[in-house]
PDB file of N, CA and C in Angstrom:
ATOM      1  N   MET A   1    -118.219   4.991  33.181  1.00  0.00           N
ATOM      2  CA  MET A   1    -116.992   4.376  33.554  1.00  0.00           C
ATOM      3  C   MET A   1    -116.207   3.535  32.357  1.00  0.00           C
ATOM      4  N   LYS A   2    -117.165   2.654  31.543  1.00  0.00           N
ATOM      5  CA  LYS A   2    -116.964   2.072  30.572  1.00  0.00           C
ATOM      6  C   LYS A   2    -116.270   2.787  29.466  1.00  0.00           C
ATOM      7  N   LYS A   3    -116.912   4.639  28.757  1.00  0.00           N
ATOM      8  CA  LYS A   3    -116.574   5.414  28.294  1.00  0.00           C
ATOM      9  C   LYS A   3    -115.012   5.524  28.511  1.00  0.00           C
ATOM     10  N   GLN A   4    -115.069   6.268  29.688  1.00  0.00           N
ATOM     11  CA  GLN A   4    -113.333   6.149  30.782  1.00  0.00           C
ATOM     12  C   GLN A   4    -112.382   5.040  29.914  1.00  0.00           C
ATOM     13  N   ILE A   5    -112.630   4.099  30.343  1.00  0.00           N
ATOM     14  CA  ILE A   5    -111.615   2.678  30.210  1.00  0.00           C
ATOM     15  C   ILE A   5    -111.633   2.751  28.391  1.00  0.00           C
ATOM     16  N   LEU A   6    -112.372   3.123  27.734  1.00  0.00           N
ATOM     17  CA  LEU A   6    -112.654   2.948  26.313  1.00  0.00           C
ATOM     18  C   LEU A   6    -111.546   3.924  25.805  1.00  0.00           C
ATOM     19  N   ILE A   7    -111.290   4.935  26.540  1.00  0.00           N
ATOM     20  CA  ILE A   7    -110.745   6.237  26.092  1.00  0.00           C
ATOM     21  C   ILE A   7    -109.607   6.208  25.970  1.00  0.00           C
ATOM     22  N   THR A   8    -109.143   5.336  27.792  1.00  0.00           N
ATOM     23  CA  THR A   8    -107.693   4.922  28.088  1.00  0.00           C
ATOM     24  C   THR A   8    -106.947   4.410  26.708  1.00  0.00           C
ATOM     25  N   ALA A   9    -108.055   3.347  26.730  1.00  0.00           N
ATOM     26  CA  ALA A   9    -107.640   1.794  25.747  1.00  0.00           C
ATOM     27  C   ALA A   9    -106.770   2.538  24.370  1.00  0.00           C
ATOM     28  N   LEU A  10    -108.245   2.982  23.848  1.00  0.00           N
ATOM     29  CA  LEU A  10    -107.689   4.057  22.487  1.00  0.00           C
ATOM     30  C   LEU A  10    -106.406   5.091  22.570  1.00  0.00           C
ATOM     31  N   THR A  11    -106.234   5.715  23.820  1.00  0.00           N
ATOM     32  CA  THR A  11    -105.189   6.713  23.658  1.00  0.00           C
ATOM     33  C   THR A  11    -103.622   5.616  23.823  1.00  0.00           C
ATOM     34  N   PHE A  12    -103.684   4.591  24.658  1.00  0.00           N
ATOM     35  CA  PHE A  12    -102.750   3.626  24.552  1.00  0.00           C
ATOM     36  C   PHE A  12    -102.128   3.018  23.614  1.00  0.00           C
ATOM     37  N   GLY A  13    -103.574   2.901  22.584  1.00  0.00           N
ATOM     38  CA  GLY A  13    -103.059   2.347  21.775  1.00  0.00           C
ATOM     39  C   GLY A  13    -103.308   2.757  20.556  1.00  0.00           C
ATOM     40  N   ALA A  14    -102.874   4.245  20.183  1.00  0.00           N
ATOM     41  CA  ALA A  14    -102.485   5.446  19.355  1.00  0.00           C
ATOM     42  C   ALA A  14    -101.029   5.797  19.715  1.00  0.00           C
ATOM     43  N   ILE A  15    -100.716   5.818  21.448  1.00  0.00           N
ATOM     44  CA  ILE A  15     -99.319   5.650  21.416  1.00  0.00           C
ATOM     45  C   ILE A  15     -98.287   4.804  20.910  1.00  0.00           C
ATOM     46  N   ILE A  16     -98.884   3.348  21.489  1.00  0.00           N
ATOM     47  CA  ILE A  16     -98.103   2.706  20.522  1.00  0.00           C
ATOM     48  C   ILE A  16     -98.107   2.081  18.914  1.00  0.00           C
ATOM     49  N   LEU A  17     -99.142   2.374  18.606  1.00  0.00           N
ATOM     50  CA  LEU A  17     -99.145   1.770  17.344  1.00  0.00           C
ATOM     51  C   LEU A  17     -98.998   2.859  16.443  1.00  0.00           C
ATOM     52  N   GLY A  18     -99.005   3.908  17.089  1.00  0.00           N
ATOM     53  CA  GLY A  18     -97.997   5.643  16.352  1.00  0.00           C
ATOM     54  C   GLY A  18     -96.938   5.549  16.727  1.00  0.00           C
ATOM     55  N   THR A  19     -96.056   5.088  17.762  1.00  0.00           N
ATOM     56  CA  THR A  19     -94.777   5.408  18.206  1.00  0.00           C
ATOM     57  C   THR A  19     -94.524   4.414  17.229  1.00  0.00           C
ATOM     58  N   SER A  20     -92.978   5.136  15.889  1.00  0.00           N
ATOM     59  CA  SER A  20     -91.802   4.818  15.105  1.00  0.00           C
ATOM     60  C   SER A  20     -90.500   5.155  15.566  1.00  0.00           C
ATOM     61  N   ASN A  21     -89.607   4.191  15.105  1.00  0.00           N
ATOM     62  CA  ASN A  21     -88.410   4.323  15.005  1.00  0.00           C
ATOM     63  C   ASN A  21     -88.797   5.845  14.560  1.00  0.00           C
ATOM     64  N   VAL A  22     -87.869   6.398  15.512  1.00  0.00           N
ATOM     65  CA  VAL A  22     -87.433   7.957  14.813  1.00  0.00           C
ATOM     66  C   VAL A  22     -86.506   8.337  14.746  1.00  0.00           C
ATOM     67  N   GLN A  23     -85.623   8.596  14.030  1.00  0.00           N
ATOM     68  CA  GLN A  23     -84.395   9.015  13.961  1.00  0.00           C
ATOM     69  C   GLN A  23     -84.155  10.558  12.733  1.00  0.00           C
ATOM     70  N   ALA A  24     -82.440  11.008  13.513  1.00  0.00           N
ATOM     71  CA  ALA A  24     -82.409  12.018  12.573  1.00  0.00           C
ATOM     72  C   ALA A  24     -82.071  11.683  11.437  1.00  0.00           C
ATOM     73  N   GLN A  25     -81.635  12.131  10.291  1.00  0.00           N
ATOM     74  CA  GLN A  25     -80.724  11.505   9.234  1.00  0.00           C
ATOM     75  C   GLN A  25     -79.242  11.263   9.370  1.00  0.00           C
ATOM     76  N   ASN A  26     -79.355  10.641   8.688  1.00  0.00           N
ATOM     77  CA  ASN A  26     -77.421   9.857   9.397  1.00  0.00           C
ATOM     78  C   ASN A  26     -76.909   9.930   7.605  1.00  0.00           C
ATOM     79  N   THR A  27     -77.125  11.411   6.836  1.00  0.00           N
ATOM     80  CA  THR A  27     -75.791  12.099   5.380  1.00  0.00           C
ATOM     81  C   THR A  27     -75.611  12.640   5.180  1.00  0.00           C
ATOM     82  N   THR A  28     -74.486  13.367   5.442  1.00  0.00           N
ATOM     83  CA  THR A  28     -74.191  14.095   5.165  1.00  0.00           C
ATOM     84  C   THR A  28     -74.135  14.923   3.549  1.00  0.00           C
ATOM     85  N   ALA A  29     -74.258  15.823   3.420  1.00  0.00           N
ATOM     86  CA  ALA A  29     -74.045  16.560   2.195  1.00  0.00           C
ATOM     87  C   ALA A  29     -72.757  17.617   2.174  1.00  0.00           C
ATOM     88  N   THR A  30     -72.454  17.675   0.570  1.00  0.00           N
ATOM     89  CA  THR A  30     -71.622  18.574   0.568  1.00  0.00           C
ATOM     90  C   THR A  30     -71.423  19.420  -0.853  1.00  0.00           C
ATOM     91  N   THR A  31     -71.414  20.910  -0.573  1.00  0.00           N
ATOM     92  CA  THR A  31     -71.741  21.695  -1.177  1.00  0.00           C
ATOM     93  C   THR A  31     -70.905  22.800  -1.191  1.00  0.00           C
ATOM     94  N   THR A  32     -70.958  24.079  -2.195  1.00  0.00           N
ATOM     95  CA  THR A  32     -69.753  25.013  -2.239  1.00  0.00           C
ATOM     96  C   THR A  32     -70.055  26.024  -2.124  1.00  0.00           C
ATOM     97  N   VAL A  33     -69.930  26.616  -1.816  1.00  0.00           N
ATOM     98  CA  VAL A  33     -70.208  28.656  -1.810  1.00  0.00           C
ATOM     99  C   VAL A  33     -69.466  29.401  -1.921  1.00  0.00           C
ATOM    100  N   ASN A  34     -70.070  30.430  -2.691  1.00  0.00           N
ATOM    101  CA  ASN A  34     -68.920  31.530  -3.261  1.00  0.00           C
ATOM    102  C   ASN A  34     -69.347  32.538  -2.942  1.00  0.00           C
ATOM    103  N   ILE A  35     -68.721  33.086  -2.047  1.00  0.00           N
ATOM    104  CA  ILE A  35     -68.838  34.848  -1.331  1.00  0.00           C
ATOM    105  C   ILE A  35     -67.507  35.327  -2.830  1.00  0.00           C
ATOM    106  N   THR A  36     -68.697  36.372  -3.094  1.00  0.00           N
ATOM    107  CA  THR A  36     -67.800  37.653  -3.764  1.00  0.00           C
ATOM    108  C   THR A  36     -67.413  39.034  -3.077  1.00  0.00           C
ATOM    109  N   LEU A  37     -66.523  39.242  -2.950  1.00  0.00           N
ATOM    110  CA  LEU A  37     -65.689  40.502  -1.508  1.00  0.00           C
ATOM    111  C   LEU A  37     -65.011  41.441  -2.352  1.00  0.00           C
ATOM    112  N   ASN A  38     -65.493  42.186  -3.149  1.00  0.00           N
ATOM    113  CA  ASN A  38     -64.946  43.119  -4.236  1.00  0.00           C
ATOM    114  C   ASN A  38     -64.462  44.435  -3.261  1.00  0.00           C
ATOM    115  N   ASP A  39     -63.339  44.966  -4.380  1.00  0.00           N
ATOM    116  CA  ASP A  39     -63.034  46.203  -3.379  1.00  0.00           C
ATOM    117  C   ASP A  39     -63.863  47.317  -3.600  1.00  0.00           C
ATOM    118  N   VAL A  40     -63.629  47.951  -2.440  1.00  0.00           N
ATOM    119  CA  VAL A  40     -64.206  49.195  -2.383  1.00  0.00           C
ATOM    120  C   VAL A  40     -63.713  50.188  -1.536  1.00  0.00           C
ATOM    121  N   ILE A  41     -63.839  51.304  -1.817  1.00  0.00           N
ATOM    122  CA  ILE A  41     -63.051  52.685  -1.434  1.00  0.00           C
ATOM    123  C   ILE A  41     -64.419  53.472  -1.553  1.00  0.00           C
ATOM    124  N   SER A  42     -64.168  54.491  -0.325  1.00  0.00           N
ATOM    125  CA  SER A  42     -65.504  54.944  -0.360  1.00  0.00           C
ATOM    126  C   SER A  42     -65.155  56.083   0.237  1.00  0.00           C
ATOM    127  N   ILE A  43     -66.041  57.884   0.148  1.00  0.00           N
ATOM    128  CA  ILE A  43     -65.529  58.680   1.235  1.00  0.00           C
ATOM    129  C   ILE A  43     -66.862  58.892   1.758  1.00  0.00           C
ATOM    130  N   ASP A  44     -67.152  58.980   2.921  1.00  0.00           N
ATOM    131  CA  ASP A  44     -68.541  58.979   4.214  1.00  0.00           C
ATOM    132  C   ASP A  44     -69.179  60.163   3.335  1.00  0.00           C
ATOM    133  N   ALA A  45     -70.403  59.696   3.345  1.00  0.00           N
ATOM    134  CA  ALA A  45     -71.725  60.777   3.025  1.00  0.00           C
ATOM    135  C   ALA A  45     -71.574  61.821   3.861  1.00  0.00           C
ATOM    136  N   GLY A  46     -71.163  61.128   4.983  1.00  0.00           N
ATOM    137  CA  GLY A  46     -71.208  61.750   6.172  1.00  0.00           C
ATOM    138  C   GLY A  46     -70.171  63.854   5.923  1.00  0.00           C
ATOM    139  N   SER A  47     -69.262  63.363   4.958  1.00  0.00           N
ATOM    140  CA  SER A  47     -67.956  64.112   5.108  1.00  0.00           C
ATOM    141  C   SER A  47     -67.986  65.353   4.264  1.00  0.00           C
ATOM    142  N   THR A  48     -67.621  66.232   4.551  1.00  0.00           N
ATOM    143  CA  THR A  48     -67.455  67.661   4.128  1.00  0.00           C
ATOM    144  C   THR A  48     -66.991  67.725   2.863  1.00  0.00           C
ATOM    145  N   ALA A  49     -66.319  66.771   2.793  1.00  0.00           N
ATOM    146  CA  ALA A  49     -65.720  66.827   1.303  1.00  0.00           C
ATOM    147  C   ALA A  49     -66.842  65.814   0.021  1.00  0.00           C
ATOM    148  N   ILE A  50     -67.729  66.097   0.071  1.00  0.00           N
ATOM    149  CA  ILE A  50     -68.921  65.458  -0.685  1.00  0.00           C
ATOM    150  C   ILE A  50     -69.843  66.056  -0.408  1.00  0.00           C
ATOM    151  N   GLY A  51     -70.082  67.298  -1.595  1.00  0.00           N
ATOM    152  CA  GLY A  51     -71.854  68.061  -1.245  1.00  0.00           C
ATOM    153  C   GLY A  51     -71.129  69.377  -1.456  1.00  0.00           C
ATOM    154  N   ASN A  52     -70.128  69.611  -0.207  1.00  0.00           N
ATOM    155  CA  ASN A  52     -69.594  70.762   0.176  1.00  0.00           C
ATOM    156  C   ASN A  52     -67.978  71.227  -0.712  1.00  0.00           C
ATOM    157  N   THR A  53     -68.468  72.612  -0.641  1.00  0.00           N
ATOM    158  CA  THR A  53     -67.540  73.344  -1.353  1.00  0.00           C
ATOM    159  C   THR A  53     -65.701  73.548  -0.331  1.00  0.00           C
ATOM    160  N   VAL A  54     -64.801  73.925  -0.745  1.00  0.00           N
ATOM    161  CA  VAL A  54     -63.607  73.606  -0.013  1.00  0.00           C
ATOM    162  C   VAL A  54     -63.607  75.245  -1.660  1.00  0.00           C
ATOM    163  N   ASP A  55     -63.235  76.273  -0.868  1.00  0.00           N
ATOM    164  CA  ASP A  55     -62.744  77.224  -2.266  1.00  0.00           C
ATOM    165  C   ASP A  55     -61.286  77.738  -1.811  1.00  0.00           C
ATOM    166  N   PHE A  56     -60.463  78.050  -2.465  1.00  0.00           N
ATOM    167  CA  PHE A  56     -59.235  78.054  -2.813  1.00  0.00           C
ATOM    168  C   PHE A  56     -59.463  79.501  -4.010  1.00  0.00           C
ATOM    169  N   ASN A  57     -58.649  80.627  -3.185  1.00  0.00           N
ATOM    170  CA  ASN A  57     -59.247  81.812  -4.546  1.00  0.00           C
ATOM    171  C   ASN A  57     -57.512  81.775  -4.537  1.00  0.00           C
ATOM    172  N   TYR A  58     -57.483  82.234  -6.012  1.00  0.00           N
ATOM    173  CA  TYR A  58     -56.352  82.398  -6.539  1.00  0.00           C
ATOM    174  C   TYR A  58     -56.325  83.714  -7.091  1.00  0.00           C
ATOM    175  N   ALA A  59     -55.707  84.978  -6.585  1.00  0.00           N
ATOM    176  CA  ALA A  59     -56.105  86.047  -7.157  1.00  0.00           C
ATOM    177  C   ALA A  59     -55.109  87.042  -7.669  1.00  0.00           C
ATOM    178  N   THR A  60     -53.925  87.060  -6.771  1.00  0.00           N
ATOM    179  CA  THR A  60     -52.692  87.372  -7.045  1.00  0.00           C
ATOM    180  C   THR A  60     -51.382  86.571  -7.327  1.00  0.00           C
ATOM    181  N   ALA A  61     -50.565  87.422  -7.639  1.00  0.00           N
ATOM    182  CA  ALA A  61     -48.933  86.046  -7.874  1.00  0.00           C
ATOM    183  C   ALA A  61     -48.673  85.610  -6.573  1.00  0.00           C
ATOM    184  N   ALA A  62     -48.980  86.870  -5.140  1.00  0.00           N
ATOM    185  CA  ALA A  62     -48.699  85.881  -3.857  1.00  0.00           C
ATOM    186  C   ALA A  62     -49.090  85.277  -3.421  1.00  0.00           C
ATOM    187  N   ASP A  63     -50.845  84.977  -4.045  1.00  0.00           N
ATOM    188  CA  ASP A  63     -51.458  83.469  -3.433  1.00  0.00           C
ATOM    189  C   ASP A  63     -50.412  82.888  -3.939  1.00  0.00           C
ATOM    190  N   TYR A  64     -50.398  82.429  -5.629  1.00  0.00           N
ATOM    191  CA  TYR A  64     -49.921  81.212  -6.052  1.00  0.00           C
ATOM    192  C   TYR A  64     -48.381  80.795  -5.305  1.00  0.00           C
ATOM    193  N   ASN A  65     -47.974  81.741  -4.553  1.00  0.00           N
ATOM    194  CA  ASN A  65     -46.727  81.945  -3.947  1.00  0.00           C
ATOM    195  C   ASN A  65     -46.479  81.528  -2.070  1.00  0.00           C
ATOM    196  N   SER A  66     -47.710  81.116  -1.608  1.00  0.00           N
ATOM    197  CA  SER A  66     -47.919  81.253  -0.249  1.00  0.00           C
ATOM    198  C   SER A  66     -48.477  80.279  -0.062  1.00  0.00           C
ATOM    199  N   ASP A  67     -48.862  80.192   0.650  1.00  0.00           N
ATOM    200  CA  ASP A  67     -49.455  78.087   1.417  1.00  0.00           C
ATOM    201  C   ASP A  67     -51.196  78.668   1.601  1.00  0.00           C
ATOM    202  N   GLN A  68     -51.856  78.169   1.349  1.00  0.00           N
ATOM    203  CA  GLN A  68     -53.171  77.990   0.712  1.00  0.00           C
ATOM    204  C   GLN A  68     -53.751  77.647   2.387  1.00  0.00           C
ATOM    205  N   THR A  69     -54.475  77.898   2.952  1.00  0.00           N
ATOM    206  CA  THR A  69     -55.261  77.046   4.615  1.00  0.00           C
ATOM    207  C   THR A  69     -56.947  76.593   4.460  1.00  0.00           C
ATOM    208  N   ILE A  70     -57.466  76.232   4.821  1.00  0.00           N
ATOM    209  CA  ILE A  70     -58.922  76.248   4.401  1.00  0.00           C
ATOM    210  C   ILE A  70     -59.519  74.532   5.828  1.00  0.00           C
ATOM    211  N   THR A  71     -59.481  75.761   7.012  1.00  0.00           N
ATOM    212  CA  THR A  71     -60.106  74.376   7.644  1.00  0.00           C
ATOM    213  C   THR A  71     -61.184  74.166   7.802  1.00  0.00           C
ATOM    214  N   LYS A  72     -61.701  73.112   7.766  1.00  0.00           N
ATOM    215  CA  LYS A  72     -63.432  72.079   7.561  1.00  0.00           C
ATOM    216  C   LYS A  72     -63.066  70.649   8.683  1.00  0.00           C
ATOM    217  N   ALA A  73     -64.083  70.967   9.782  1.00  0.00           N
ATOM    218  CA  ALA A  73     -64.614  70.022  10.736  1.00  0.00           C
ATOM    219  C   ALA A  73     -64.756  68.460   9.093  1.00  0.00           C
ATOM    220  N   ASN A  74     -64.415  67.382   9.781  1.00  0.00           N
ATOM    221  CA  ASN A  74     -64.595  66.219   9.092  1.00  0.00           C
ATOM    222  C   ASN A  74     -64.958  66.259   7.920  1.00  0.00           C
ATOM    223  N   SER A  75     -63.712  66.599   6.914  1.00  0.00           N
ATOM    224  CA  SER A  75     -63.372  66.672   5.941  1.00  0.00           C
ATOM    225  C   SER A  75     -63.599  65.522   5.355  1.00  0.00           C
ATOM    226  N   LEU A  76     -62.803  64.970   5.948  1.00  0.00           N
ATOM    227  CA  LEU A  76     -62.234  63.119   4.801  1.00  0.00           C
ATOM    228  C   LEU A  76     -62.934  61.819   5.475  1.00  0.00           C
ATOM    229  N   LYS A  77     -63.487  61.524   5.773  1.00  0.00           N
ATOM    230  CA  LYS A  77     -64.008  60.020   5.938  1.00  0.00           C
ATOM    231  C   LYS A  77     -63.665  58.984   4.768  1.00  0.00           C
ATOM    232  N   VAL A  78     -62.855  58.116   5.568  1.00  0.00           N
ATOM    233  CA  VAL A  78     -62.917  56.974   4.210  1.00  0.00           C
ATOM    234  C   VAL A  78     -62.675  55.741   4.402  1.00  0.00           C
ATOM    235  N   THR A  79     -63.516  54.827   3.537  1.00  0.00           N
ATOM    236  CA  THR A  79     -64.155  53.534   4.033  1.00  0.00           C
ATOM    237  C   THR A  79     -63.129  53.017   2.919  1.00  0.00           C
ATOM    238  N   SER A  80     -62.998  51.575   2.959  1.00  0.00           N
ATOM    239  CA  SER A  80     -61.713  51.278   1.699  1.00  0.00           C
ATOM    240  C   SER A  80     -61.171  49.366   2.761  1.00  0.00           C
ATOM    241  N   THR A  81     -61.653  48.782   1.261  1.00  0.00           N
ATOM    242  CA  THR A  81     -61.370  47.340   1.953  1.00  0.00           C
ATOM    243  C   THR A  81     -60.022  46.883   1.719  1.00  0.00           C
ATOM    244  N   LYS A  82     -59.207  47.581   0.713  1.00  0.00           N
ATOM    245  CA  LYS A  82     -57.979  47.656   0.118  1.00  0.00           C
ATOM    246  C   LYS A  82     -57.135  48.991   0.884  1.00  0.00           C
ATOM    247  N   ASN A  83     -55.693  48.937   1.048  1.00  0.00           N
ATOM    248  CA  ASN A  83     -54.841  49.671   1.162  1.00  0.00           C
ATOM    249  C   ASN A  83     -54.761  51.520   0.221  1.00  0.00           C
ATOM    250  N   PHE A  84     -54.597  52.345   1.068  1.00  0.00           N
ATOM    251  CA  PHE A  84     -54.513  53.535   0.724  1.00  0.00           C
ATOM    252  C   PHE A  84     -53.649  54.730   1.473  1.00  0.00           C
ATOM    253  N   ASN A  85     -53.138  55.515   0.661  1.00  0.00           N
ATOM    254  CA  ASN A  85     -52.579  56.558   1.851  1.00  0.00           C
ATOM    255  C   ASN A  85     -53.514  58.078   1.051  1.00  0.00           C
ATOM    256  N   VAL A  86     -53.158  58.912   2.754  1.00  0.00           N
ATOM    257  CA  VAL A  86     -53.700  59.576   2.907  1.00  0.00           C
ATOM    258  C   VAL A  86     -51.855  60.296   3.297  1.00  0.00           C
ATOM    259  N   LYS A  87     -51.923  61.493   2.339  1.00  0.00           N
ATOM    260  CA  LYS A  87     -50.802  62.602   2.268  1.00  0.00           C
ATOM    261  C   LYS A  87     -51.477  63.551   3.384  1.00  0.00           C
ATOM    262  N   VAL A  88     -50.430  64.236   4.164  1.00  0.00           N
ATOM    263  CA  VAL A  88     -51.353  65.572   4.824  1.00  0.00           C
ATOM    264  C   VAL A  88     -49.743  66.030   5.178  1.00  0.00           C
ATOM    265  N   LYS A  89     -49.658  67.608   5.158  1.00  0.00           N
ATOM    266  CA  LYS A  89     -48.297  68.451   5.234  1.00  0.00           C
ATOM    267  C   LYS A  89     -49.352  69.453   6.354  1.00  0.00           C
ATOM    268  N   ALA A  90     -48.120  69.272   7.536  1.00  0.00           N
ATOM    269  CA  ALA A  90     -48.430  70.376   8.552  1.00  0.00           C
ATOM    270  C   ALA A  90     -47.852  71.825   8.086  1.00  0.00           C
ATOM    271  N   GLY A  91     -49.162  72.494   8.616  1.00  0.00           N
ATOM    272  CA  GLY A  91     -48.085  74.393   8.323  1.00  0.00           C
ATOM    273  C   GLY A  91     -47.627  74.503   9.278  1.00  0.00           C
ATOM    274  N   GLY A  92     -46.456  73.606  10.044  1.00  0.00           N
ATOM    275  CA  GLY A  92     -45.471  74.479  11.408  1.00  0.00           C
ATOM    276  C   GLY A  92     -45.175  73.028  11.614  1.00  0.00           C
ATOM    277  N   ALA A  93     -45.166  73.233  12.861  1.00  0.00           N
ATOM    278  CA  ALA A  93     -44.138  71.676  13.751  1.00  0.00           C
ATOM    279  C   ALA A  93     -45.270  70.949  14.251  1.00  0.00           C
ATOM    280  N   ASN A  94     -46.622  71.556  14.156  1.00  0.00           N
ATOM    281  CA  ASN A  94     -47.728  71.034  14.571  1.00  0.00           C
ATOM    282  C   ASN A  94     -48.494  70.402  13.845  1.00  0.00           C
ATOM    283  N   PHE A  95     -50.054  69.521  13.792  1.00  0.00           N
ATOM    284  CA  PHE A  95     -51.097  70.003  13.088  1.00  0.00           C
ATOM    285  C   PHE A  95     -51.858  70.647  14.513  1.00  0.00           C
ATOM    286  N   ILE A  96     -53.101  71.742  14.020  1.00  0.00           N
ATOM    287  CA  ILE A  96     -53.545  71.914  14.501  1.00  0.00           C
ATOM    288  C   ILE A  96     -55.250  71.481  14.427  1.00  0.00           C
ATOM    289  N   ASN A  97     -55.559  71.421  15.951  1.00  0.00           N
ATOM    290  CA  ASN A  97     -56.915  70.513  15.957  1.00  0.00           C
ATOM    291  C   ASN A  97     -57.922  71.099  17.150  1.00  0.00           C
ATOM    292  N   GLY A  98     -58.183  72.651  16.664  1.00  0.00           N
ATOM    293  CA  GLY A  98     -58.955  73.786  17.501  1.00  0.00           C
ATOM    294  C   GLY A  98     -57.539  74.334  18.730  1.00  0.00           C
ATOM    295  N   THR A  99     -58.128  74.217  19.771  1.00  0.00           N
ATOM    296  CA  THR A  99     -57.259  74.817  20.356  1.00  0.00           C
ATOM    297  C   THR A  99     -56.356  73.500  20.929  1.00  0.00           C
ATOM    298  N   ASN A 100     -55.646  72.376  20.349  1.00  0.00           N
ATOM    299  CA  ASN A 100     -55.096  70.927  20.600  1.00  0.00           C
ATOM    300  C   ASN A 100     -53.889  71.058  19.685  1.00  0.00           C
ATOM    301  N   LEU A 101     -52.765  70.875  20.412  1.00  0.00           N
ATOM    302  CA  LEU A 101     -51.884  70.585  19.403  1.00  0.00           C
ATOM    303  C   LEU A 101     -51.412  69.086  18.464  1.00  0.00           C
ATOM    304  N   ILE A 102     -51.326  68.587  17.615  1.00  0.00           N
ATOM    305  CA  ILE A 102     -51.309  67.259  17.325  1.00  0.00           C
ATOM    306  C   ILE A 102     -49.508  66.901  16.782  1.00  0.00           C
ATOM    307  N   PRO A 103     -48.464  66.851  17.248  1.00  0.00           N
ATOM    308  CA  PRO A 103     -46.991  66.458  16.858  1.00  0.00           C
ATOM    309  C   PRO A 103     -47.505  66.054  15.368  1.00  0.00           C
TER     310      PRO A 103
END
């Protein structure tokens, strides 16, 4: 019984003496953060425009005077942080995507 009273007294003593005024810091700090965002423009690595070949064959004068068309799926995937222009021209009234017409 004396042992339990001693342990209880030591526990309360440790709690009372071990408790101090605990507060969070009451100060502020200012820092400068610099972030550099460079312009990026790239063609997607999965694009067939990288590493694959699109061959146009001009063997006769008629080839030079007629439109050449090569169909390549996923041939241009561009990622850019700045403005860029992609200019395309339809060979007829509509663009053709497989069996779908794109006006």
